[in-house]
Amino acid sequence: MRNLALIAFFVLAQNMVSQNLVNNPSFENYSSCPTGDSQLNALNWQVTANSGNSTPDYYNVCNSGTQGVPNNDAGNQNAYNGNAYIGIFCFYANVPLREYIQSQLSAPLVGGQTYYVSFRVSLADEYGTAIGSLGAYISNNPLVGNGTFGPIVVTPQIISSSIISNTSSWTQITGSFVANGGERYITIGNFSTDAATPRTTNPNTFISDMAYYYIDMVEVTTTPLNISQFYDTNLSVFPNPFNDTITIEYVNRTAGDIFEVHSLDGKQLKKMVLDTNTVDLNDLPTGVCFIYISQKESVKLVKKIVKI
């Protein structure tokens, strides 16, 4: 009976902690399979109004050509989660050029409540400019541009802390803010002017003077665990629930990966270098906790587990 109660608590805790206010967060649901670029077919997502001829692109495994996953006309990248992602232009050296994607949240934010925002980005292989000002702006009303391709100049609550040049894997942009109350929309892109956009250029790429990023797995939650613990399909843990030990499997494992265990309130319970697939957690208290695996390029894998 005690074990059944813990399992029930595990399910209840997952429902409480994992609520994501972003509809269709990894763009899996779509109106139709994309047949070419400039088709934002992901349900619940749209282009910001009056932003020139802004034309974000939708990529999905259902397309075997230019809009496919992992291969497409901008590069090669597996989806971080599921089968799809979106691509947007974020900078062009010759003229101001921005594209944004926007979505209405499932519920308005509560004033005074801290919210945690996260999304994943990857620089497309064909583009050589990497920038450091990708961000997310959360607003009461939909953002509207000024009729040009230029930036919508607002101050995003969430912004990348460094230039993101990784083309081989996904980089997480994450942060938190206290809501004023009533915020209902999230908009993602580069809100900085050209002069204020930190950047580097790789001249050996096909289009070296433009920045184009894939975007995947967008989250707005009230949990202090600001990483994608509920959508991460790259980490397998078994058995779960467990008694003493767990076995961990994931791709791209390297020597020096760090393993951590945290309680529901964020307290670190264990930390070690992961040098084996099997980890002894006999010393942990019974109940729900999270395991974190930190890899190179700031990639983190997370899974919720329960000890019985």
Protein backbone atom coordinates (compact mmCIF):
# COMPACT_ATOMS: atom_id res chain seq x y z
CA MET A 1 0.00 0.00 0.00
CA ARG A 2 2.88 2.37 0.81
CA ASN A 3 4.42 1.79 -2.61
CA LEU A 4 1.10 2.43 -4.34
CA ALA A 5 0.73 5.68 -2.41
CA LEU A 6 4.17 6.84 -3.54
CA ILE A 7 3.39 6.03 -7.14
CA ALA A 8 0.13 7.97 -6.88
CA PHE A 9 2.07 10.90 -5.42
CA PHE A 10 4.55 10.67 -8.31
CA VAL A 11 1.74 11.00 -10.84
CA LEU A 12 0.13 13.85 -8.88
CA ALA A 13 3.44 15.72 -8.58
CA GLN A 14 4.08 15.40 -12.28
CA ASN A 15 0.69 16.93 -13.03
CA MET A 16 1.30 19.78 -10.60
CA VAL A 17 4.87 20.64 -11.52
CA SER A 18 4.90 20.01 -15.24
CA GLN A 19 2.14 22.36 -16.40
CA ASN A 20 3.35 24.21 -19.44
CA LEU A 21 1.30 27.25 -20.45
CA VAL A 22 2.56 27.12 -24.05
CA ASN A 23 0.19 25.48 -26.49
CA ASN A 24 1.87 23.12 -28.96
CA PRO A 25 5.30 23.80 -27.38
CA SER A 26 7.37 21.71 -29.80
CA PHE A 27 5.25 22.40 -32.91
CA GLU A 28 4.11 18.79 -33.30
CA ASN A 29 0.53 19.69 -34.21
CA TYR A 30 0.11 21.27 -37.63
CA SER A 31 -2.60 22.23 -40.09
CA SER A 32 -0.85 20.63 -43.05
CA CYS A 33 2.57 19.25 -43.90
CA PRO A 34 4.82 22.07 -45.18
CA THR A 35 5.46 21.94 -48.92
CA GLY A 36 7.89 24.88 -49.07
CA ASP A 37 9.39 27.68 -47.02
CA SER A 38 7.42 30.58 -45.50
CA GLN A 39 4.69 28.24 -44.25
CA LEU A 40 4.09 28.56 -40.51
CA ASN A 41 1.75 25.56 -40.29
CA ALA A 42 2.25 24.79 -36.59
CA LEU A 43 -1.06 25.16 -34.78
CA ASN A 44 -1.34 27.92 -32.14
CA TRP A 45 1.67 29.79 -33.57
CA GLN A 46 1.61 32.83 -35.82
CA VAL A 47 3.72 35.64 -37.26
CA THR A 48 3.72 38.98 -35.46
CA ALA A 49 1.40 41.41 -37.23
CA ASN A 50 2.74 44.26 -39.38
CA SER A 51 6.30 42.91 -39.39
CA GLY A 52 7.10 43.49 -43.06
CA ASN A 53 6.84 40.29 -45.05
CA SER A 54 8.13 38.19 -42.14
CA THR A 55 7.91 34.53 -43.15
CA PRO A 56 9.06 32.02 -40.50
CA ASP A 57 9.56 28.49 -41.80
CA TYR A 58 8.10 25.23 -40.53
CA TYR A 59 10.08 21.97 -40.68
CA ASN A 60 8.65 18.50 -40.07
CA VAL A 61 9.62 14.88 -40.76
CA CYS A 62 6.47 14.60 -42.87
CA ASN A 63 8.36 16.49 -45.60
CA SER A 64 11.15 14.60 -47.34
CA GLY A 65 12.57 17.64 -49.13
CA THR A 66 13.46 21.25 -48.34
CA GLN A 67 11.25 21.45 -45.22
CA GLY A 68 12.22 18.12 -43.73
CA VAL A 69 13.72 17.01 -40.42
CA PRO A 70 16.60 16.44 -39.99
CA ASN A 71 17.60 17.46 -43.55
CA ASN A 72 16.26 20.72 -45.00
CA ASP A 73 17.33 23.71 -47.09
CA ALA A 74 18.90 25.50 -44.09
CA GLY A 75 20.99 22.61 -42.77
CA ASN A 76 20.74 19.36 -40.87
CA GLN A 77 19.31 19.09 -37.36
CA ASN A 78 17.22 16.56 -35.50
CA ALA A 79 14.29 17.95 -33.57
CA TYR A 80 15.04 18.51 -29.90
CA ASN A 81 11.65 16.99 -29.10
CA GLY A 82 9.36 15.12 -31.43
CA ASN A 83 9.36 15.64 -35.19
CA ALA A 84 9.27 19.36 -35.90
CA TYR A 85 10.73 22.82 -35.32
CA ILE A 86 10.52 26.37 -36.68
CA GLY A 87 13.20 28.53 -38.31
CA ILE A 88 13.50 32.33 -38.24
CA PHE A 89 15.89 35.01 -39.54
CA CYS A 90 17.36 37.01 -36.66
CA PHE A 91 20.00 39.25 -38.25
CA TYR A 92 21.30 40.39 -41.64
CA ALA A 93 24.43 42.51 -41.99
CA ASN A 94 23.11 44.56 -44.93
CA VAL A 95 19.63 45.60 -43.76
CA PRO A 96 17.65 45.24 -40.51
CA LEU A 97 15.95 41.85 -40.77
CA ARG A 98 13.96 40.12 -38.05
CA GLU A 99 11.38 37.36 -37.93
CA TYR A 100 9.34 36.48 -34.86
CA ILE A 101 6.99 33.71 -33.83
CA GLN A 102 4.18 34.31 -31.37
CA SER A 103 1.64 32.24 -29.46
CA GLN A 104 -1.17 32.84 -27.02
CA LEU A 105 -0.66 31.08 -23.69
CA SER A 106 -3.28 28.73 -22.33
CA ALA A 107 -4.02 31.05 -19.40
CA PRO A 108 -3.12 34.63 -18.39
CA LEU A 109 -0.23 35.02 -15.94
CA VAL A 110 -0.91 35.85 -12.30
CA GLY A 111 0.54 39.07 -10.93
CA GLY A 112 3.35 38.59 -8.41
CA GLN A 113 3.95 34.98 -9.50
CA THR A 114 7.42 33.97 -10.72
CA TYR A 115 7.39 32.26 -14.10
CA TYR A 116 10.17 30.26 -15.72
CA VAL A 117 10.66 30.43 -19.47
CA SER A 118 12.74 28.11 -21.63
CA PHE A 119 13.24 27.44 -25.31
CA ARG A 120 15.85 25.63 -27.41
CA VAL A 121 17.71 27.07 -30.39
CA SER A 122 20.25 25.83 -32.92
CA LEU A 123 22.11 27.89 -35.52
CA ALA A 124 21.36 26.52 -39.02
CA ASP A 125 24.42 25.09 -40.79
CA GLU A 126 24.14 27.22 -43.92
CA TYR A 127 24.28 30.55 -42.05
CA GLY A 128 27.47 32.00 -40.63
CA THR A 129 26.39 34.82 -38.31
CA ALA A 130 25.80 33.81 -34.68
CA ILE A 131 24.16 36.27 -32.29
CA GLY A 132 23.78 36.69 -28.55
CA SER A 133 20.48 38.51 -28.19
CA LEU A 134 17.82 35.90 -28.84
CA GLY A 135 15.00 36.34 -26.39
CA ALA A 136 11.38 35.88 -25.39
CA TYR A 137 8.96 38.71 -24.63
CA ILE A 138 5.79 38.00 -22.67
CA SER A 139 3.03 40.58 -23.10
CA ASN A 140 -0.64 41.21 -22.38
CA ASN A 141 -1.44 41.77 -26.05
CA PRO A 142 0.03 40.45 -29.31
CA LEU A 143 3.16 42.30 -30.41
CA VAL A 144 2.84 44.39 -33.56
CA GLY A 145 5.69 45.58 -35.79
CA ASN A 146 6.06 48.94 -37.50
CA GLY A 147 5.50 47.70 -41.03
CA THR A 148 9.17 46.95 -41.79
CA PHE A 149 11.49 43.96 -41.48
CA GLY A 150 13.30 45.71 -38.61
CA PRO A 151 13.35 44.76 -34.94
CA ILE A 152 10.40 45.18 -32.62
CA VAL A 153 12.26 47.15 -29.98
CA VAL A 154 11.02 45.96 -26.59
CA THR A 155 12.95 44.62 -23.62
CA PRO A 156 12.47 40.84 -23.45
CA GLN A 157 12.15 39.29 -20.01
CA ILE A 158 14.28 36.35 -21.19
CA ILE A 159 17.43 36.79 -23.30
CA SER A 160 20.44 34.62 -24.13
CA SER A 161 23.50 35.29 -22.00
CA SER A 162 26.05 34.54 -24.73
CA ILE A 163 26.49 34.24 -28.48
CA ILE A 164 24.97 30.95 -29.68
CA SER A 165 27.00 29.40 -32.49
CA ASN A 166 26.28 25.70 -31.96
CA THR A 167 25.00 24.03 -35.13
CA SER A 168 25.38 20.40 -34.04
CA SER A 169 23.03 20.39 -31.03
CA TRP A 170 20.42 22.46 -29.23
CA THR A 171 21.22 25.27 -26.79
CA GLN A 172 18.75 26.18 -24.09
CA ILE A 173 17.81 29.80 -23.42
CA THR A 174 16.15 30.11 -20.05
CA GLY A 175 15.29 32.57 -17.32
CA SER A 176 12.60 33.77 -14.95
CA PHE A 177 10.57 36.90 -14.26
CA VAL A 178 7.79 38.11 -11.98
CA ALA A 179 4.52 38.68 -13.85
CA ASN A 180 2.65 41.94 -13.59
CA GLY A 181 -0.56 40.03 -14.22
CA GLY A 182 -2.61 39.43 -17.33
CA GLU A 183 0.29 38.58 -19.66
CA ARG A 184 -1.05 36.19 -22.28
CA TYR A 185 1.34 36.12 -25.28
CA ILE A 186 4.90 34.89 -25.83
CA THR A 187 6.98 36.20 -28.74
CA ILE A 188 10.43 34.82 -29.66
CA GLY A 189 13.17 36.43 -31.76
CA ASN A 190 15.89 39.09 -31.69
CA PHE A 191 14.51 42.33 -30.22
CA SER A 192 17.82 44.21 -30.25
CA THR A 193 18.84 46.77 -32.84
CA ASP A 194 21.67 45.83 -35.18
CA ALA A 195 24.10 47.98 -33.19
CA ALA A 196 23.10 46.28 -29.93
CA THR A 197 23.23 42.72 -31.31
CA PRO A 198 26.42 40.91 -30.20
CA ARG A 199 27.58 38.65 -33.01
CA THR A 200 30.37 36.68 -34.61
CA THR A 201 30.78 35.66 -38.26
CA ASN A 202 32.07 32.46 -39.81
CA PRO A 203 33.19 33.42 -43.36
CA ASN A 204 33.39 29.78 -44.44
CA THR A 205 29.62 29.25 -44.46
CA PHE A 206 27.33 29.45 -47.47
CA ILE A 207 25.59 32.64 -46.24
CA SER A 208 28.02 34.24 -43.81
CA ASP A 209 26.26 37.56 -43.18
CA MET A 210 22.91 36.24 -41.93
CA ALA A 211 21.74 34.62 -38.69
CA TYR A 212 19.06 31.95 -38.97
CA TYR A 213 18.01 29.81 -36.02
CA TYR A 214 15.88 26.73 -35.53
CA ILE A 215 13.58 26.90 -32.48
CA ASP A 216 12.08 24.01 -30.51
CA MET A 217 10.47 23.16 -27.15
CA VAL A 218 9.07 26.40 -25.71
CA GLU A 219 7.98 26.42 -22.06
CA VAL A 220 6.39 28.83 -19.61
CA THR A 221 5.86 27.27 -16.19
CA THR A 222 5.71 28.11 -12.50
CA THR A 223 8.25 25.43 -11.59
CA PRO A 224 11.75 26.52 -10.50
CA LEU A 225 13.13 23.61 -12.51
CA ASN A 226 13.86 25.66 -15.59
CA ILE A 227 14.79 22.88 -17.96
CA SER A 228 12.69 20.61 -20.14
CA GLN A 229 12.19 17.81 -17.66
CA PHE A 230 8.86 16.67 -19.04
CA TYR A 231 9.57 16.55 -22.76
CA ASP A 232 13.09 15.16 -22.79
CA THR A 233 12.98 11.93 -24.79
CA ASN A 234 16.79 11.60 -24.98
CA LEU A 235 17.21 10.08 -21.52
CA SER A 236 16.01 6.63 -20.46
CA VAL A 237 15.93 5.58 -16.79
CA PHE A 238 14.83 2.16 -15.53
CA PRO A 239 13.37 0.82 -13.42
CA ASN A 240 11.19 3.80 -12.52
CA PRO A 241 9.86 3.68 -9.81
CA PHE A 242 12.95 2.04 -8.25
CA ASN A 243 14.21 0.69 -4.93
CA ASP A 244 17.99 1.06 -4.80
CA THR A 245 19.68 1.46 -8.19
CA ILE A 246 18.78 2.86 -11.60
CA THR A 247 20.22 2.25 -15.05
CA ILE A 248 20.70 5.27 -17.32
CA GLU A 249 20.91 5.32 -21.12
CA TYR A 250 21.37 8.32 -23.44
CA VAL A 251 23.21 9.21 -26.65
CA ASN A 252 26.41 11.25 -27.00
CA ARG A 253 27.68 10.23 -23.60
CA THR A 254 31.19 11.48 -22.81
CA ALA A 255 33.65 11.13 -19.96
CA GLY A 256 33.06 13.89 -17.47
CA ASP A 257 29.27 14.09 -17.74
CA ILE A 258 27.90 15.24 -14.39
CA PHE A 259 25.04 13.43 -12.65
CA GLU A 260 22.89 15.22 -10.06
CA VAL A 261 19.78 14.45 -8.03
CA HIS A 262 17.47 17.24 -6.82
CA SER A 263 14.41 17.23 -4.61
CA LEU A 264 11.11 18.75 -5.75
CA ASP A 265 12.01 22.04 -4.05
CA GLY A 266 15.35 22.21 -5.91
CA LYS A 267 17.68 21.01 -3.13
CA GLN A 268 20.69 19.08 -4.41
CA LEU A 269 20.74 15.58 -2.93
CA LYS A 270 23.60 14.02 -4.87
CA LYS A 271 26.27 15.03 -7.40
CA MET A 272 28.93 12.90 -9.09
CA VAL A 273 30.81 12.28 -12.32
CA LEU A 274 28.83 9.70 -14.27
CA ASP A 275 31.30 6.91 -15.03
CA THR A 276 28.85 4.00 -15.19
CA ASN A 277 25.38 3.21 -16.53
CA THR A 278 24.19 2.00 -13.13
CA VAL A 279 23.87 4.42 -10.24
CA ASP A 280 23.28 3.45 -6.61
CA LEU A 281 20.65 5.72 -5.03
CA ASN A 282 20.03 3.64 -1.94
CA ASP A 283 20.94 6.58 0.29
CA LEU A 284 18.15 8.78 -1.08
CA PRO A 285 14.90 9.25 0.83
CA THR A 286 11.76 7.74 -0.65
CA GLY A 287 9.64 9.97 -2.85
CA VAL A 288 9.82 11.99 -6.04
CA CYS A 289 13.01 13.65 -7.25
CA PHE A 290 14.72 14.76 -10.47
CA ILE A 291 17.96 13.55 -12.01
CA TYR A 292 20.08 15.91 -14.12
CA ILE A 293 22.84 14.96 -16.53
CA SER A 294 25.02 17.88 -17.66
CA GLN A 295 26.85 17.40 -20.95
CA LYS A 296 29.14 19.55 -23.03
CA GLU A 297 27.75 22.64 -24.81
CA SER A 298 25.56 23.28 -21.74
CA VAL A 299 23.17 20.47 -22.73
CA LYS A 300 21.15 19.13 -19.81
CA LEU A 301 19.07 15.96 -19.75
CA VAL A 302 16.45 15.64 -17.04
CA LYS A 303 14.07 12.96 -15.85
CA LYS A 304 11.62 12.69 -12.99
CA ILE A 305 12.00 9.50 -10.91
CA VAL A 306 10.43 8.05 -7.77
CA LYS A 307 12.02 5.93 -5.09
CA ILE A 308 9.79 3.41 -3.32
